[in-house]
Structures are given as C-alpha cells and as structure tokens.
Amino acid sequence: MGGVLPDVDHVVDYAYYYWRREHRLILLLHGYEFAILGASAALLTGDTTLGIAALSYFIHLLADQTENRTHMLGYLLLFRAWNRFRLETLSTVPEAAARGRMEDIRSLEKLLGGRRK
C-alpha cells in the first residue's frame, strides 16, 4: 500500500490541468517529508509493518524521481510549494514531463470511455 497508494494524488494534477490548461507537479502525497515521518514513527514504535510501508513509500519516491527526472529537491513537498508546483521549474526536462502527462491524460480518457471535447 505504501508503494502504490500515493499515486491517487495524480488526480489533483490532472484536474488542475483540465481546469487551467497548465501542468503542475502538485502531487500532495509525494514528499520525502512523509517518508521521514513514517520511518521515524516506525523506529519510535518498533512497528515492523509501518517500517516496511515507510520503506516502500521511500522506494516509490526514489523511483518516481529518477523516472521523472525532477530537480534534486523535486520530491520535497515544501520545495514544490515554494516553486508554486510549476513543472517548468521542478523538472529537468519539462517538455518531456508535459508530454508524459498528456499521455497519461489520454490513457485515462480512453480508460474512462470517452474523450473530452
């Protein structure tokens, strides 16, 4: 769950694009801050399950950051907020990031059975 559930936050980014026609890297559930909190809680409580979830979440963030080629601090929620979640600032290859997001949006439209006019 810690490795997959964070991706539900993409809905916010796609909705923002739908309404504003601007790409943003909001991703409210993608932040190293949360990984640190989860790992700290796991260490303080000795909860192995929480530790595994925190580790899975951390690996998810590392994989995303590597795949999406973001700024070194791009997966810190506070850094993204400071930069107003602008894809142009947070991505090292903003054109590729925007193309990838458009591919995701087209896939979602196809999955949902229609195309927006």
PDB file of N, CA and C in Angstrom:
ATOM      1  N   MET A   1       0.821  -1.197   0.000  1.00  0.00           N
ATOM      2  CA  MET A   1       0.000   0.000   0.000  1.00  0.00           C
ATOM      3  C   MET A   1       0.867   1.263   0.000  1.00  0.00           C
ATOM      4  N   GLY A   2       1.948   1.246   0.783  1.00  0.00           N
ATOM      5  CA  GLY A   2       2.806   2.422   0.846  1.00  0.00           C
ATOM      6  C   GLY A   2       3.520   2.695  -0.460  1.00  0.00           C
ATOM      7  N   GLY A   3       3.631   1.676  -1.299  1.00  0.00           N
ATOM      8  CA  GLY A   3       4.312   1.843  -2.574  1.00  0.00           C
ATOM      9  C   GLY A   3       3.407   2.226  -3.728  1.00  0.00           C
ATOM     10  N   VAL A   4       2.087   2.058  -3.573  1.00  0.00           N
ATOM     11  CA  VAL A   4       1.170   2.286  -4.683  1.00  0.00           C
ATOM     12  C   VAL A   4       0.131   3.381  -4.395  1.00  0.00           C
ATOM     13  N   LEU A   5      -0.419   3.389  -3.201  1.00  0.00           N
ATOM     14  CA  LEU A   5      -1.486   4.341  -2.879  1.00  0.00           C
ATOM     15  C   LEU A   5      -1.142   5.813  -3.074  1.00  0.00           C
ATOM     16  N   PRO A   6       0.110   6.218  -2.903  1.00  0.00           N
ATOM     17  CA  PRO A   6       0.401   7.640  -3.101  1.00  0.00           C
ATOM     18  C   PRO A   6       0.023   8.161  -4.485  1.00  0.00           C
ATOM     19  N   ASP A   7      -0.109   7.282  -5.453  1.00  0.00           N
ATOM     20  CA  ASP A   7      -0.410   7.740  -6.810  1.00  0.00           C
ATOM     21  C   ASP A   7      -1.831   8.253  -6.998  1.00  0.00           C
ATOM     22  N   VAL A   8      -2.687   8.095  -6.010  1.00  0.00           N
ATOM     23  CA  VAL A   8      -4.031   8.666  -6.152  1.00  0.00           C
ATOM     24  C   VAL A   8      -3.978  10.189  -6.219  1.00  0.00           C
ATOM     25  N   ASP A   9      -2.872  10.787  -5.770  1.00  0.00           N
ATOM     26  CA  ASP A   9      -2.771  12.249  -5.805  1.00  0.00           C
ATOM     27  C   ASP A   9      -2.602  12.809  -7.213  1.00  0.00           C
ATOM     28  N   HIS A  10      -2.352  11.954  -8.177  1.00  0.00           N
ATOM     29  CA  HIS A  10      -2.246  12.432  -9.559  1.00  0.00           C
ATOM     30  C   HIS A  10      -3.568  13.019 -10.046  1.00  0.00           C
ATOM     31  N   VAL A  11      -4.658  12.585  -9.457  1.00  0.00           N
ATOM     32  CA  VAL A  11      -5.974  13.105  -9.828  1.00  0.00           C
ATOM     33  C   VAL A  11      -6.007  14.627  -9.673  1.00  0.00           C
ATOM     34  N   VAL A  12      -5.392  15.142  -8.627  1.00  0.00           N
ATOM     35  CA  VAL A  12      -5.354  16.593  -8.399  1.00  0.00           C
ATOM     36  C   VAL A  12      -4.612  17.288  -9.537  1.00  0.00           C
ATOM     37  N   ASP A  13      -3.481  16.735  -9.939  1.00  0.00           N
ATOM     38  CA  ASP A  13      -2.700  17.334 -11.031  1.00  0.00           C
ATOM     39  C   ASP A  13      -3.477  17.325 -12.339  1.00  0.00           C
ATOM     40  N   TYR A  14      -4.144  16.206 -12.626  1.00  0.00           N
ATOM     41  CA  TYR A  14      -4.904  16.108 -13.869  1.00  0.00           C
ATOM     42  C   TYR A  14      -6.119  17.025 -13.836  1.00  0.00           C
ATOM     43  N   ALA A  15      -6.752  17.159 -12.690  1.00  0.00           N
ATOM     44  CA  ALA A  15      -7.885  18.083 -12.565  1.00  0.00           C
ATOM     45  C   ALA A  15      -7.416  19.527 -12.753  1.00  0.00           C
ATOM     46  N   TYR A  16      -6.264  19.853 -12.195  1.00  0.00           N
ATOM     47  CA  TYR A  16      -5.714  21.198 -12.368  1.00  0.00           C
ATOM     48  C   TYR A  16      -5.487  21.474 -13.854  1.00  0.00           C
ATOM     49  N   TYR A  17      -4.912  20.497 -14.550  1.00  0.00           N
ATOM     50  CA  TYR A  17      -4.691  20.675 -15.987  1.00  0.00           C
ATOM     51  C   TYR A  17      -6.024  20.829 -16.715  1.00  0.00           C
ATOM     52  N   TYR A  18      -6.992  20.028 -16.359  1.00  0.00           N
ATOM     53  CA  TYR A  18      -8.304  20.073 -17.006  1.00  0.00           C
ATOM     54  C   TYR A  18      -8.911  21.467 -16.899  1.00  0.00           C
ATOM     55  N   TRP A  19      -8.826  22.071 -15.723  1.00  0.00           N
ATOM     56  CA  TRP A  19      -9.463  23.371 -15.495  1.00  0.00           C
ATOM     57  C   TRP A  19      -8.597  24.549 -15.923  1.00  0.00           C
ATOM     58  N   ARG A  20      -7.265  24.466 -15.794  1.00  0.00           N
ATOM     59  CA  ARG A  20      -6.395  25.614 -16.045  1.00  0.00           C
ATOM     60  C   ARG A  20      -5.561  25.503 -17.320  1.00  0.00           C
ATOM     61  N   ARG A  21      -5.477  24.311 -17.880  1.00  0.00           N
ATOM     62  CA  ARG A  21      -4.643  24.065 -19.064  1.00  0.00           C
ATOM     63  C   ARG A  21      -3.176  24.384 -18.799  1.00  0.00           C
ATOM     64  N   GLU A  22      -2.750  24.124 -17.571  1.00  0.00           N
ATOM     65  CA  GLU A  22      -1.352  24.291 -17.171  1.00  0.00           C
ATOM     66  C   GLU A  22      -0.944  23.062 -16.377  1.00  0.00           C
ATOM     67  N   HIS A  23       0.249  22.563 -16.682  1.00  0.00           N
ATOM     68  CA  HIS A  23       0.751  21.419 -15.926  1.00  0.00           C
ATOM     69  C   HIS A  23       1.351  21.910 -14.616  1.00  0.00           C
ATOM     70  N   ARG A  24       1.056  21.191 -13.566  1.00  0.00           N
ATOM     71  CA  ARG A  24       1.646  21.462 -12.260  1.00  0.00           C
ATOM     72  C   ARG A  24       2.080  20.125 -11.657  1.00  0.00           C
ATOM     73  N   LEU A  25       3.125  20.178 -10.867  1.00  0.00           N
ATOM     74  CA  LEU A  25       3.610  18.985 -10.167  1.00  0.00           C
ATOM     75  C   LEU A  25       3.211  19.134  -8.700  1.00  0.00           C
ATOM     76  N   ILE A  26       1.905  18.966  -8.444  1.00  0.00           N
ATOM     77  CA  ILE A  26       1.367  19.168  -7.104  1.00  0.00           C
ATOM     78  C   ILE A  26       1.661  17.934  -6.251  1.00  0.00           C
ATOM     79  N   LEU A  27       1.143  16.801  -6.649  1.00  0.00           N
ATOM     80  CA  LEU A  27       1.445  15.510  -6.011  1.00  0.00           C
ATOM     81  C   LEU A  27       1.501  15.610  -4.480  1.00  0.00           C
ATOM     82  N   LEU A  28       0.382  15.921  -3.880  1.00  0.00           N
ATOM     83  CA  LEU A  28       0.322  16.167  -2.438  1.00  0.00           C
ATOM     84  C   LEU A  28       0.774  14.990  -1.579  1.00  0.00           C
ATOM     85  N   LEU A  29       0.704  13.781  -2.105  1.00  0.00           N
ATOM     86  CA  LEU A  29       1.123  12.614  -1.329  1.00  0.00           C
ATOM     87  C   LEU A  29       2.543  12.153  -1.651  1.00  0.00           C
ATOM     88  N   HIS A  30       3.237  12.900  -2.470  1.00  0.00           N
ATOM     89  CA  HIS A  30       4.616  12.564  -2.819  1.00  0.00           C
ATOM     90  C   HIS A  30       5.557  13.552  -2.133  1.00  0.00           C
ATOM     91  N   GLY A  31       6.114  13.157  -1.003  1.00  0.00           N
ATOM     92  CA  GLY A  31       7.031  14.040  -0.303  1.00  0.00           C
ATOM     93  C   GLY A  31       7.941  13.258   0.622  1.00  0.00           C
ATOM     94  N   TYR A  32       9.225  13.522   0.510  1.00  0.00           N
ATOM     95  CA  TYR A  32      10.182  12.860   1.397  1.00  0.00           C
ATOM     96  C   TYR A  32       9.883  13.183   2.859  1.00  0.00           C
ATOM     97  N   GLU A  33       9.209  14.302   3.090  1.00  0.00           N
ATOM     98  CA  GLU A  33       8.831  14.644   4.460  1.00  0.00           C
ATOM     99  C   GLU A  33       7.994  13.535   5.085  1.00  0.00           C
ATOM    100  N   PHE A  34       7.066  12.973   4.298  1.00  0.00           N
ATOM    101  CA  PHE A  34       6.200  11.904   4.798  1.00  0.00           C
ATOM    102  C   PHE A  34       6.988  10.615   5.039  1.00  0.00           C
ATOM    103  N   ALA A  35       7.963  10.360   4.179  1.00  0.00           N
ATOM    104  CA  ALA A  35       8.805   9.165   4.357  1.00  0.00           C
ATOM    105  C   ALA A  35       9.593   9.278   5.661  1.00  0.00           C
ATOM    106  N   ILE A  36      10.093  10.476   5.945  1.00  0.00           N
ATOM    107  CA  ILE A  36      10.848  10.689   7.184  1.00  0.00           C
ATOM    108  C   ILE A  36       9.933  10.521   8.395  1.00  0.00           C
ATOM    109  N   LEU A  37       8.722  11.080   8.312  1.00  0.00           N
ATOM    110  CA  LEU A  37       7.763  10.923   9.417  1.00  0.00           C
ATOM    111  C   LEU A  37       7.402   9.454   9.638  1.00  0.00           C
ATOM    112  N   GLY A  38       7.145   8.736   8.545  1.00  0.00           N
ATOM    113  CA  GLY A  38       6.794   7.320   8.657  1.00  0.00           C
ATOM    114  C   GLY A  38       7.928   6.492   9.226  1.00  0.00           C
ATOM    115  N   ALA A  39       9.143   6.742   8.753  1.00  0.00           N
ATOM    116  CA  ALA A  39      10.303   5.994   9.254  1.00  0.00           C
ATOM    117  C   ALA A  39      10.553   6.318  10.729  1.00  0.00           C
ATOM    118  N   SER A  40      10.393   7.583  11.088  1.00  0.00           N
ATOM    119  CA  SER A  40      10.573   7.979  12.493  1.00  0.00           C
ATOM    120  C   SER A  40       9.542   7.305  13.389  1.00  0.00           C
ATOM    121  N   ALA A  41       8.298   7.308  12.946  1.00  0.00           N
ATOM    122  CA  ALA A  41       7.235   6.660  13.728  1.00  0.00           C
ATOM    123  C   ALA A  41       7.500   5.165  13.871  1.00  0.00           C
ATOM    124  N   ALA A  42       7.975   4.545  12.788  1.00  0.00           N
ATOM    125  CA  ALA A  42       8.277   3.106  12.833  1.00  0.00           C
ATOM    126  C   ALA A  42       9.408   2.822  13.820  1.00  0.00           C
ATOM    127  N   LEU A  43      10.428   3.667  13.804  1.00  0.00           N
ATOM    128  CA  LEU A  43      11.546   3.464  14.724  1.00  0.00           C
ATOM    129  C   LEU A  43      11.130   3.693  16.175  1.00  0.00           C
ATOM    130  N   LEU A  44      10.315   4.720  16.402  1.00  0.00           N
ATOM    131  CA  LEU A  44       9.886   5.040  17.774  1.00  0.00           C
ATOM    132  C   LEU A  44       8.962   3.979  18.352  1.00  0.00           C
ATOM    133  N   THR A  45       8.109   3.416  17.500  1.00  0.00           N
ATOM    134  CA  THR A  45       7.134   2.429  17.989  1.00  0.00           C
ATOM    135  C   THR A  45       7.614   0.994  17.844  1.00  0.00           C
ATOM    136  N   GLY A  46       8.624   0.790  17.023  1.00  0.00           N
ATOM    137  CA  GLY A  46       9.097  -0.569  16.767  1.00  0.00           C
ATOM    138  C   GLY A  46       8.152  -1.357  15.883  1.00  0.00           C
ATOM    139  N   ASP A  47       7.276  -0.660  15.166  1.00  0.00           N
ATOM    140  CA  ASP A  47       6.266  -1.302  14.318  1.00  0.00           C
ATOM    141  C   ASP A  47       6.896  -1.702  12.986  1.00  0.00           C
ATOM    142  N   THR A  48       7.086  -2.989  12.803  1.00  0.00           N
ATOM    143  CA  THR A  48       7.723  -3.502  11.584  1.00  0.00           C
ATOM    144  C   THR A  48       6.885  -3.218  10.344  1.00  0.00           C
ATOM    145  N   THR A  49       5.571  -3.377  10.453  1.00  0.00           N
ATOM    146  CA  THR A  49       4.690  -3.126   9.305  1.00  0.00           C
ATOM    147  C   THR A  49       4.781  -1.677   8.861  1.00  0.00           C
ATOM    148  N   LEU A  50       4.774  -0.762   9.801  1.00  0.00           N
ATOM    149  CA  LEU A  50       4.919   0.653   9.478  1.00  0.00           C
ATOM    150  C   LEU A  50       6.285   0.920   8.851  1.00  0.00           C
ATOM    151  N   GLY A  51       7.304   0.257   9.340  1.00  0.00           N
ATOM    152  CA  GLY A  51       8.648   0.403   8.766  1.00  0.00           C
ATOM    153  C   GLY A  51       8.699  -0.057   7.320  1.00  0.00           C
ATOM    154  N   ILE A  52       8.050  -1.186   7.033  1.00  0.00           N
ATOM    155  CA  ILE A  52       8.009  -1.705   5.659  1.00  0.00           C
ATOM    156  C   ILE A  52       7.222  -0.749   4.761  1.00  0.00           C
ATOM    157  N   ALA A  53       6.113  -0.230   5.277  1.00  0.00           N
ATOM    158  CA  ALA A  53       5.311   0.735   4.496  1.00  0.00           C
ATOM    159  C   ALA A  53       6.126   1.993   4.210  1.00  0.00           C
ATOM    160  N   ALA A  54       6.846   2.496   5.205  1.00  0.00           N
ATOM    161  CA  ALA A  54       7.670   3.696   5.023  1.00  0.00           C
ATOM    162  C   ALA A  54       8.778   3.428   4.000  1.00  0.00           C
ATOM    163  N   LEU A  55       9.400   2.267   4.071  1.00  0.00           N
ATOM    164  CA  LEU A  55      10.436   1.903   3.111  1.00  0.00           C
ATOM    165  C   LEU A  55       9.866   1.786   1.701  1.00  0.00           C
ATOM    166  N   SER A  56       8.703   1.157   1.570  1.00  0.00           N
ATOM    167  CA  SER A  56       8.046   1.036   0.256  1.00  0.00           C
ATOM    168  C   SER A  56       7.738   2.411  -0.324  1.00  0.00           C
ATOM    169  N   TYR A  57       7.253   3.285   0.525  1.00  0.00           N
ATOM    170  CA  TYR A  57       6.925   4.647   0.107  1.00  0.00           C
ATOM    171  C   TYR A  57       8.185   5.377  -0.352  1.00  0.00           C
ATOM    172  N   PHE A  58       9.266   5.245   0.417  1.00  0.00           N
ATOM    173  CA  PHE A  58      10.533   5.882   0.065  1.00  0.00           C
ATOM    174  C   PHE A  58      11.048   5.372  -1.282  1.00  0.00           C
ATOM    175  N   ILE A  59      10.972   4.070  -1.497  1.00  0.00           N
ATOM    176  CA  ILE A  59      11.406   3.487  -2.773  1.00  0.00           C
ATOM    177  C   ILE A  59      10.530   4.002  -3.914  1.00  0.00           C
ATOM    178  N   HIS A  60       9.234   4.129  -3.673  1.00  0.00           N
ATOM    179  CA  HIS A  60       8.321   4.692  -4.666  1.00  0.00           C
ATOM    180  C   HIS A  60       8.779   6.101  -5.061  1.00  0.00           C
ATOM    181  N   LEU A  61       9.094   6.927  -4.062  1.00  0.00           N
ATOM    182  CA  LEU A  61       9.536   8.294  -4.354  1.00  0.00           C
ATOM    183  C   LEU A  61      10.839   8.315  -5.137  1.00  0.00           C
ATOM    184  N   LEU A  62      11.785   7.489  -4.744  1.00  0.00           N
ATOM    185  CA  LEU A  62      13.070   7.429  -5.461  1.00  0.00           C
ATOM    186  C   LEU A  62      12.872   6.997  -6.914  1.00  0.00           C
ATOM    187  N   ALA A  63      12.032   5.996  -7.122  1.00  0.00           N
ATOM    188  CA  ALA A  63      11.773   5.519  -8.488  1.00  0.00           C
ATOM    189  C   ALA A  63      11.103   6.613  -9.315  1.00  0.00           C
ATOM    190  N   ASP A  64      10.110   7.283  -8.733  1.00  0.00           N
ATOM    191  CA  ASP A  64       9.432   8.371  -9.441  1.00  0.00           C
ATOM    192  C   ASP A  64      10.395   9.499  -9.780  1.00  0.00           C
ATOM    193  N   GLN A  65      11.198   9.880  -8.809  1.00  0.00           N
ATOM    194  CA  GLN A  65      12.115  10.993  -9.043  1.00  0.00           C
ATOM    195  C   GLN A  65      13.117  10.654 -10.141  1.00  0.00           C
ATOM    196  N   THR A  66      13.600   9.435 -10.145  1.00  0.00           N
ATOM    197  CA  THR A  66      14.547   9.010 -11.180  1.00  0.00           C
ATOM    198  C   THR A  66      13.866   8.959 -12.543  1.00  0.00           C
ATOM    199  N   GLU A  67      12.704   8.340 -12.600  1.00  0.00           N
ATOM    200  CA  GLU A  67      11.979   8.197 -13.867  1.00  0.00           C
ATOM    201  C   GLU A  67      11.529   9.551 -14.426  1.00  0.00           C
ATOM    202  N   ASN A  68      11.074  10.425 -13.547  1.00  0.00           N
ATOM    203  CA  ASN A  68      10.510  11.700 -13.993  1.00  0.00           C
ATOM    204  C   ASN A  68      11.536  12.824 -14.120  1.00  0.00           C
ATOM    205  N   ARG A  69      12.755  12.533 -13.792  1.00  0.00           N
ATOM    206  CA  ARG A  69      13.867  13.492 -13.941  1.00  0.00           C
ATOM    207  C   ARG A  69      13.522  14.873 -13.387  1.00  0.00           C
ATOM    208  N   THR A  70      13.277  14.887 -12.091  1.00  0.00           N
ATOM    209  CA  THR A  70      12.971  16.155 -11.442  1.00  0.00           C
ATOM    210  C   THR A  70      14.224  16.741 -10.810  1.00  0.00           C
ATOM    211  N   HIS A  71      14.097  17.989 -10.411  1.00  0.00           N
ATOM    212  CA  HIS A  71      15.134  18.677  -9.664  1.00  0.00           C
ATOM    213  C   HIS A  71      15.514  17.815  -8.465  1.00  0.00           C
ATOM    214  N   MET A  72      16.735  17.943  -7.980  1.00  0.00           N
ATOM    215  CA  MET A  72      17.214  17.128  -6.874  1.00  0.00           C
ATOM    216  C   MET A  72      16.273  17.214  -5.655  1.00  0.00           C
ATOM    217  N   LEU A  73      15.673  18.362  -5.427  1.00  0.00           N
ATOM    218  CA  LEU A  73      14.755  18.544  -4.299  1.00  0.00           C
ATOM    219  C   LEU A  73      13.290  18.443  -4.714  1.00  0.00           C
ATOM    220  N   GLY A  74      13.045  17.995  -5.939  1.00  0.00           N
ATOM    221  CA  GLY A  74      11.707  17.998  -6.512  1.00  0.00           C
ATOM    222  C   GLY A  74      10.671  17.154  -5.809  1.00  0.00           C
ATOM    223  N   TYR A  75      11.102  16.188  -5.020  1.00  0.00           N
ATOM    224  CA  TYR A  75      10.123  15.365  -4.312  1.00  0.00           C
ATOM    225  C   TYR A  75      10.015  15.738  -2.833  1.00  0.00           C
ATOM    226  N   LEU A  76      10.446  16.960  -2.521  1.00  0.00           N
ATOM    227  CA  LEU A  76      10.132  17.548  -1.220  1.00  0.00           C
ATOM    228  C   LEU A  76       8.900  18.420  -1.431  1.00  0.00           C
ATOM    229  N   LEU A  77       7.836  18.121  -0.733  1.00  0.00           N
ATOM    230  CA  LEU A  77       6.590  18.867  -0.897  1.00  0.00           C
ATOM    231  C   LEU A  77       6.801  20.363  -0.647  1.00  0.00           C
ATOM    232  N   LEU A  78       7.585  20.703   0.343  1.00  0.00           N
ATOM    233  CA  LEU A  78       7.822  22.117   0.660  1.00  0.00           C
ATOM    234  C   LEU A  78       8.574  22.827  -0.468  1.00  0.00           C
ATOM    235  N   PHE A  79       9.510  22.140  -1.099  1.00  0.00           N
ATOM    236  CA  PHE A  79      10.243  22.720  -2.233  1.00  0.00           C
ATOM    237  C   PHE A  79       9.303  22.964  -3.407  1.00  0.00           C
ATOM    238  N   ARG A  80       8.428  21.991  -3.672  1.00  0.00           N
ATOM    239  CA  ARG A  80       7.478  22.170  -4.768  1.00  0.00           C
ATOM    240  C   ARG A  80       6.539  23.334  -4.479  1.00  0.00           C
ATOM    241  N   ALA A  81       6.063  23.428  -3.254  1.00  0.00           N
ATOM    242  CA  ALA A  81       5.172  24.535  -2.896  1.00  0.00           C
ATOM    243  C   ALA A  81       5.897  25.870  -3.055  1.00  0.00           C
ATOM    244  N   TRP A  82       7.145  25.933  -2.610  1.00  0.00           N
ATOM    245  CA  TRP A  82       7.945  27.157  -2.740  1.00  0.00           C
ATOM    246  C   TRP A  82       8.044  27.586  -4.201  1.00  0.00           C
ATOM    247  N   ASN A  83       8.105  26.617  -5.089  1.00  0.00           N
ATOM    248  CA  ASN A  83       8.203  26.887  -6.528  1.00  0.00           C
ATOM    249  C   ASN A  83       6.836  26.881  -7.208  1.00  0.00           C
ATOM    250  N   ARG A  84       5.784  26.994  -6.427  1.00  0.00           N
ATOM    251  CA  ARG A  84       4.403  27.066  -6.905  1.00  0.00           C
ATOM    252  C   ARG A  84       4.021  25.876  -7.784  1.00  0.00           C
ATOM    253  N   PHE A  85       4.661  24.744  -7.528  1.00  0.00           N
ATOM    254  CA  PHE A  85       4.352  23.474  -8.205  1.00  0.00           C
ATOM    255  C   PHE A  85       4.545  23.550  -9.720  1.00  0.00           C
ATOM    256  N   ARG A  86       5.307  24.530 -10.199  1.00  0.00           N
ATOM    257  CA  ARG A  86       5.477  24.721 -11.647  1.00  0.00           C
ATOM    258  C   ARG A  86       6.389  23.656 -12.236  1.00  0.00           C
ATOM    259  N   LEU A  87       5.864  22.950 -13.212  1.00  0.00           N
ATOM    260  CA  LEU A  87       6.586  21.869 -13.867  1.00  0.00           C
ATOM    261  C   LEU A  87       7.876  22.381 -14.505  1.00  0.00           C
ATOM    262  N   GLU A  88       7.830  23.584 -15.049  1.00  0.00           N
ATOM    263  CA  GLU A  88       8.993  24.157 -15.725  1.00  0.00           C
ATOM    264  C   GLU A  88      10.168  24.342 -14.762  1.00  0.00           C
ATOM    265  N   THR A  89       9.885  24.582 -13.509  1.00  0.00           N
ATOM    266  CA  THR A  89      10.928  24.798 -12.508  1.00  0.00           C
ATOM    267  C   THR A  89      11.386  23.486 -11.889  1.00  0.00           C
ATOM    268  N   LEU A  90      10.478  22.548 -11.717  1.00  0.00           N
ATOM    269  CA  LEU A  90      10.763  21.333 -10.964  1.00  0.00           C
ATOM    270  C   LEU A  90      11.331  20.202 -11.801  1.00  0.00           C
ATOM    271  N   SER A  91      11.060  20.205 -13.086  1.00  0.00           N
ATOM    272  CA  SER A  91      11.544  19.136 -13.958  1.00  0.00           C
ATOM    273  C   SER A  91      12.848  19.550 -14.625  1.00  0.00           C
ATOM    274  N   THR A  92      13.759  18.609 -14.771  1.00  0.00           N
ATOM    275  CA  THR A  92      14.992  18.896 -15.509  1.00  0.00           C
ATOM    276  C   THR A  92      14.759  18.809 -17.015  1.00  0.00           C
ATOM    277  N   VAL A  93      13.648  18.193 -17.420  1.00  0.00           N
ATOM    278  CA  VAL A  93      13.263  18.101 -18.828  1.00  0.00           C
ATOM    279  C   VAL A  93      11.755  18.391 -18.913  1.00  0.00           C
ATOM    280  N   PRO A  94      11.356  19.667 -18.767  1.00  0.00           N
ATOM    281  CA  PRO A  94       9.930  19.991 -18.684  1.00  0.00           C
ATOM    282  C   PRO A  94       9.113  19.576 -19.909  1.00  0.00           C
ATOM    283  N   GLU A  95       9.704  19.621 -21.096  1.00  0.00           N
ATOM    284  CA  GLU A  95       8.959  19.248 -22.302  1.00  0.00           C
ATOM    285  C   GLU A  95       8.580  17.775 -22.258  1.00  0.00           C
ATOM    286  N   ALA A  96       9.515  16.939 -21.837  1.00  0.00           N
ATOM    287  CA  ALA A  96       9.248  15.507 -21.732  1.00  0.00           C
ATOM    288  C   ALA A  96       8.222  15.227 -20.629  1.00  0.00           C
ATOM    289  N   ALA A  97       8.315  15.966 -19.539  1.00  0.00           N
ATOM    290  CA  ALA A  97       7.361  15.789 -18.442  1.00  0.00           C
ATOM    291  C   ALA A  97       5.947  16.144 -18.900  1.00  0.00           C
ATOM    292  N   ALA A  98       5.813  17.227 -19.621  1.00  0.00           N
ATOM    293  CA  ALA A  98       4.493  17.637 -20.115  1.00  0.00           C
ATOM    294  C   ALA A  98       3.944  16.603 -21.100  1.00  0.00           C
ATOM    295  N   ARG A  99       4.813  16.086 -21.982  1.00  0.00           N
ATOM    296  CA  ARG A  99       4.375  15.046 -22.922  1.00  0.00           C
ATOM    297  C   ARG A  99       3.913  13.806 -22.171  1.00  0.00           C
ATOM    298  N   GLY A 100       4.655  13.399 -21.162  1.00  0.00           N
ATOM    299  CA  GLY A 100       4.288  12.222 -20.378  1.00  0.00           C
ATOM    300  C   GLY A 100       2.957  12.403 -19.675  1.00  0.00           C
ATOM    301  N   ARG A 101       2.718  13.588 -19.173  1.00  0.00           N
ATOM    302  CA  ARG A 101       1.442  13.861 -18.510  1.00  0.00           C
ATOM    303  C   ARG A 101       0.295  13.834 -19.510  1.00  0.00           C
ATOM    304  N   MET A 102       0.529  14.342 -20.707  1.00  0.00           N
ATOM    305  CA  MET A 102      -0.525  14.307 -21.725  1.00  0.00           C
ATOM    306  C   MET A 102      -0.830  12.868 -22.126  1.00  0.00           C
ATOM    307  N   GLU A 103       0.193  12.027 -22.196  1.00  0.00           N
ATOM    308  CA  GLU A 103      -0.028  10.606 -22.492  1.00  0.00           C
ATOM    309  C   GLU A 103      -0.867   9.962 -21.385  1.00  0.00           C
ATOM    310  N   ASP A 104      -0.573  10.314 -20.136  1.00  0.00           N
ATOM    311  CA  ASP A 104      -1.361   9.798 -19.012  1.00  0.00           C
ATOM    312  C   ASP A 104      -2.811  10.240 -19.126  1.00  0.00           C
ATOM    313  N   ILE A 105      -3.028  11.494 -19.458  1.00  0.00           N
ATOM    314  CA  ILE A 105      -4.389  12.028 -19.576  1.00  0.00           C
ATOM    315  C   ILE A 105      -5.143  11.315 -20.696  1.00  0.00           C
ATOM    316  N   ARG A 106      -4.482  11.105 -21.841  1.00  0.00           N
ATOM    317  CA  ARG A 106      -5.130  10.388 -22.939  1.00  0.00           C
ATOM    318  C   ARG A 106      -5.471   8.958 -22.537  1.00  0.00           C
ATOM    319  N   SER A 107      -4.572   8.311 -21.812  1.00  0.00           N
ATOM    320  CA  SER A 107      -4.842   6.941 -21.340  1.00  0.00           C
ATOM    321  C   SER A 107      -6.025   6.912 -20.387  1.00  0.00           C
ATOM    322  N   LEU A 108      -6.106   7.890 -19.505  1.00  0.00           N
ATOM    323  CA  LEU A 108      -7.243   7.963 -18.583  1.00  0.00           C
ATOM    324  C   LEU A 108      -8.546   8.196 -19.330  1.00  0.00           C
ATOM    325  N   GLU A 109      -8.512   9.075 -20.318  1.00  0.00           N
ATOM    326  CA  GLU A 109      -9.722   9.330 -21.109  1.00  0.00           C
ATOM    327  C   GLU A 109     -10.183   8.051 -21.798  1.00  0.00           C
ATOM    328  N   LYS A 110      -9.232   7.315 -22.354  1.00  0.00           N
ATOM    329  CA  LYS A 110      -9.562   6.061 -23.032  1.00  0.00           C
ATOM    330  C   LYS A 110     -10.125   5.050 -22.039  1.00  0.00           C
ATOM    331  N   LEU A 111      -9.501   4.968 -20.883  1.00  0.00           N
ATOM    332  CA  LEU A 111      -9.955   4.053 -19.850  1.00  0.00           C
ATOM    333  C   LEU A 111     -11.365   4.394 -19.378  1.00  0.00           C
ATOM    334  N   LEU A 112     -11.653   5.674 -19.276  1.00  0.00           N
ATOM    335  CA  LEU A 112     -12.965   6.111 -18.792  1.00  0.00           C
ATOM    336  C   LEU A 112     -14.018   6.098 -19.892  1.00  0.00           C
ATOM    337  N   GLY A 113     -13.615   5.738 -21.111  1.00  0.00           N
ATOM    338  CA  GLY A 113     -14.581   5.518 -22.172  1.00  0.00           C
ATOM    339  C   GLY A 113     -15.000   6.725 -22.967  1.00  0.00           C
ATOM    340  N   GLY A 114     -14.226   7.740 -22.973  1.00  0.00           N
ATOM    341  CA  GLY A 114     -14.616   8.894 -23.778  1.00  0.00           C
ATOM    342  C   GLY A 114     -13.506   9.898 -23.907  1.00  0.00           C
ATOM    343  N   ARG A 115     -13.722  10.799 -24.777  1.00  0.00           N
ATOM    344  CA  ARG A 115     -12.769  11.886 -24.982  1.00  0.00           C
ATOM    345  C   ARG A 115     -13.461  13.178 -24.678  1.00  0.00           C
ATOM    346  N   ARG A 116     -12.758  14.050 -24.011  1.00  0.00           N
ATOM    347  CA  ARG A 116     -13.293  15.356 -23.682  1.00  0.00           C
ATOM    348  C   ARG A 116     -13.248  16.229 -24.918  1.00  0.00           C
ATOM    349  N   LYS A 117     -14.245  17.016 -25.101  1.00  0.00           N
ATOM    350  CA  LYS A 117     -14.298  17.892 -26.275  1.00  0.00           C
ATOM    351  C   LYS A 117     -13.524  19.151 -26.036  1.00  0.00           C
TER     352      LYS A 117
END
